[in-house]
Amino acid sequence: YFSIFRAVTERRPSDVRRDSIGSSESALDFLDSSLSLVSEAYCISNHLRILRSLLEQQKQ
């Protein structure tokens, strides 16, 4: 969970370091990128689950 946020902050250090003037923008950007990362991770876990079920079917 924390590694996702760390990856977002490492990917966009300029947004995080931006001053209070653009803080709302950078917060929205941060939310956008973290949400996309979460959805990517969700898709990957879904694919892995499907693959595992296929492998278990082949074993039988």
N, C-alpha and C. Protein backbone atom coordinates (compact mmCIF):
# COMPACT_ATOMS: atom_id res chain seq x y z
N TYR A 1 0.83 -1.21 0.00
CA TYR A 1 0.00 0.00 0.00
C TYR A 1 0.87 1.26 0.00
N PHE A 2 1.84 1.29 0.91
CA PHE A 2 2.72 2.45 0.95
C PHE A 2 3.65 2.50 -0.26
N SER A 3 4.02 1.33 -0.78
CA SER A 3 4.92 1.32 -1.93
C SER A 3 4.27 1.95 -3.15
N ILE A 4 2.94 1.83 -3.26
CA ILE A 4 2.24 2.48 -4.37
C ILE A 4 2.42 4.00 -4.27
N PHE A 5 2.21 4.55 -3.06
CA PHE A 5 2.35 5.99 -2.91
C PHE A 5 3.80 6.41 -3.09
N ARG A 6 4.73 5.57 -2.66
CA ARG A 6 6.14 5.90 -2.85
C ARG A 6 6.47 5.94 -4.34
N ALA A 7 5.92 5.00 -5.09
CA ALA A 7 6.18 4.98 -6.53
C ALA A 7 5.60 6.23 -7.18
N VAL A 8 4.43 6.67 -6.72
CA VAL A 8 3.83 7.87 -7.29
C VAL A 8 4.69 9.10 -6.98
N THR A 9 5.15 9.20 -5.72
CA THR A 9 5.94 10.38 -5.36
C THR A 9 7.29 10.36 -6.06
N GLU A 10 7.86 9.17 -6.27
CA GLU A 10 9.13 9.12 -6.97
C GLU A 10 8.94 9.44 -8.45
N ARG A 11 7.81 9.03 -9.00
CA ARG A 11 7.57 9.27 -10.41
C ARG A 11 7.37 10.76 -10.68
N ARG A 12 6.71 11.48 -9.75
CA ARG A 12 6.40 12.89 -9.99
C ARG A 12 6.90 13.74 -8.83
N PRO A 13 8.21 13.91 -8.67
CA PRO A 13 8.71 14.73 -7.55
C PRO A 13 8.37 16.20 -7.70
N SER A 14 8.21 16.67 -8.94
CA SER A 14 7.91 18.09 -9.14
C SER A 14 6.54 18.43 -8.58
N ASP A 15 5.57 17.51 -8.76
CA ASP A 15 4.23 17.77 -8.23
C ASP A 15 4.25 17.82 -6.71
N VAL A 16 5.01 16.93 -6.11
CA VAL A 16 5.04 16.87 -4.65
C VAL A 16 5.74 18.09 -4.07
N ARG A 17 6.82 18.53 -4.73
CA ARG A 17 7.60 19.64 -4.21
C ARG A 17 6.99 21.01 -4.54
N ARG A 18 5.97 21.02 -5.37
CA ARG A 18 5.40 22.30 -5.79
C ARG A 18 4.85 23.08 -4.58
N ASP A 19 4.93 24.40 -4.66
CA ASP A 19 4.54 25.21 -3.50
C ASP A 19 3.02 25.25 -3.34
N SER A 20 2.56 25.99 -2.32
CA SER A 20 1.15 25.95 -1.93
C SER A 20 0.24 26.53 -3.01
N ILE A 21 0.78 27.29 -3.95
CA ILE A 21 -0.06 27.89 -5.00
C ILE A 21 -0.72 26.79 -5.83
N GLY A 22 0.08 25.79 -6.24
CA GLY A 22 -0.45 24.73 -7.07
C GLY A 22 -0.70 23.46 -6.28
N SER A 23 -0.94 23.59 -4.98
CA SER A 23 -1.05 22.39 -4.15
C SER A 23 -2.31 21.59 -4.52
N SER A 24 -3.40 22.30 -4.83
CA SER A 24 -4.63 21.57 -5.17
C SER A 24 -4.45 20.82 -6.49
N GLU A 25 -3.77 21.46 -7.45
CA GLU A 25 -3.51 20.78 -8.72
C GLU A 25 -2.67 19.54 -8.52
N SER A 26 -1.58 19.70 -7.76
CA SER A 26 -0.68 18.57 -7.57
C SER A 26 -1.37 17.46 -6.79
N ALA A 27 -2.27 17.84 -5.87
CA ALA A 27 -3.02 16.82 -5.13
C ALA A 27 -3.91 16.04 -6.09
N LEU A 28 -4.54 16.74 -7.02
CA LEU A 28 -5.39 16.05 -8.00
C LEU A 28 -4.55 15.16 -8.91
N ASP A 29 -3.39 15.66 -9.35
CA ASP A 29 -2.49 14.84 -10.16
C ASP A 29 -2.06 13.60 -9.40
N PHE A 30 -1.72 13.82 -8.12
CA PHE A 30 -1.29 12.72 -7.26
C PHE A 30 -2.40 11.68 -7.16
N LEU A 31 -3.63 12.15 -6.97
CA LEU A 31 -4.77 11.23 -6.87
C LEU A 31 -4.96 10.48 -8.18
N ASP A 32 -4.87 11.20 -9.30
CA ASP A 32 -5.02 10.57 -10.61
C ASP A 32 -3.99 9.46 -10.81
N SER A 33 -2.72 9.77 -10.58
CA SER A 33 -1.67 8.78 -10.85
C SER A 33 -1.77 7.60 -9.89
N SER A 34 -2.12 7.87 -8.61
CA SER A 34 -2.23 6.76 -7.67
C SER A 34 -3.43 5.89 -8.02
N LEU A 35 -4.51 6.50 -8.48
CA LEU A 35 -5.68 5.71 -8.87
C LEU A 35 -5.35 4.83 -10.08
N SER A 36 -4.62 5.38 -11.05
CA SER A 36 -4.26 4.58 -12.22
C SER A 36 -3.35 3.43 -11.81
N LEU A 37 -2.43 3.69 -10.86
CA LEU A 37 -1.57 2.61 -10.38
C LEU A 37 -2.38 1.53 -9.70
N VAL A 38 -3.35 1.93 -8.87
CA VAL A 38 -4.19 0.96 -8.17
C VAL A 38 -4.97 0.12 -9.18
N SER A 39 -5.53 0.76 -10.22
CA SER A 39 -6.30 0.02 -11.19
C SER A 39 -5.41 -0.94 -11.98
N GLU A 40 -4.16 -0.51 -12.28
CA GLU A 40 -3.23 -1.41 -12.95
C GLU A 40 -2.95 -2.63 -12.09
N ALA A 41 -2.69 -2.39 -10.79
CA ALA A 41 -2.41 -3.51 -9.89
C ALA A 41 -3.62 -4.43 -9.81
N TYR A 42 -4.83 -3.87 -9.81
CA TYR A 42 -6.04 -4.68 -9.75
C TYR A 42 -6.17 -5.55 -11.00
N CYS A 43 -5.89 -4.97 -12.17
CA CYS A 43 -5.95 -5.75 -13.41
C CYS A 43 -4.93 -6.89 -13.38
N ILE A 44 -3.72 -6.60 -12.90
CA ILE A 44 -2.68 -7.62 -12.86
C ILE A 44 -3.10 -8.77 -11.94
N SER A 45 -3.66 -8.43 -10.77
CA SER A 45 -4.08 -9.48 -9.84
C SER A 45 -5.22 -10.29 -10.44
N ASN A 46 -6.11 -9.62 -11.19
CA ASN A 46 -7.18 -10.36 -11.87
C ASN A 46 -6.61 -11.35 -12.87
N HIS A 47 -5.66 -10.91 -13.69
CA HIS A 47 -5.04 -11.80 -14.68
C HIS A 47 -4.37 -12.98 -13.99
N LEU A 48 -3.68 -12.72 -12.89
CA LEU A 48 -3.01 -13.80 -12.18
C LEU A 48 -4.02 -14.81 -11.64
N ARG A 49 -5.14 -14.31 -11.14
CA ARG A 49 -6.17 -15.21 -10.63
C ARG A 49 -6.71 -16.09 -11.75
N ILE A 50 -6.95 -15.51 -12.92
CA ILE A 50 -7.44 -16.28 -14.06
C ILE A 50 -6.42 -17.33 -14.47
N LEU A 51 -5.14 -16.93 -14.55
CA LEU A 51 -4.10 -17.87 -14.92
C LEU A 51 -4.01 -19.03 -13.94
N ARG A 52 -4.12 -18.73 -12.66
CA ARG A 52 -4.03 -19.78 -11.65
C ARG A 52 -5.18 -20.76 -11.78
N SER A 53 -6.39 -20.25 -12.02
CA SER A 53 -7.53 -21.15 -12.17
C SER A 53 -7.36 -22.01 -13.42
N LEU A 54 -6.81 -21.45 -14.50
CA LEU A 54 -6.57 -22.24 -15.71
C LEU A 54 -5.56 -23.34 -15.43
N LEU A 55 -4.50 -23.01 -14.70
CA LEU A 55 -3.48 -24.02 -14.38
C LEU A 55 -4.07 -25.13 -13.51
N GLU A 56 -4.93 -24.77 -12.56
CA GLU A 56 -5.53 -25.79 -11.71
C GLU A 56 -6.46 -26.69 -12.52
N GLN A 57 -7.14 -26.13 -13.52
CA GLN A 57 -7.99 -26.95 -14.39
C GLN A 57 -7.14 -27.93 -15.19
N GLN A 58 -5.97 -27.50 -15.66
CA GLN A 58 -5.11 -28.38 -16.44
C GLN A 58 -4.55 -29.51 -15.59
N LYS A 59 -4.29 -29.25 -14.31
CA LYS A 59 -3.78 -30.31 -13.44
C LYS A 59 -4.79 -31.43 -13.31
N GLN A 60 -6.08 -31.07 -13.23
CA GLN A 60 -7.11 -32.10 -13.11
C GLN A 60 -7.32 -32.75 -14.47
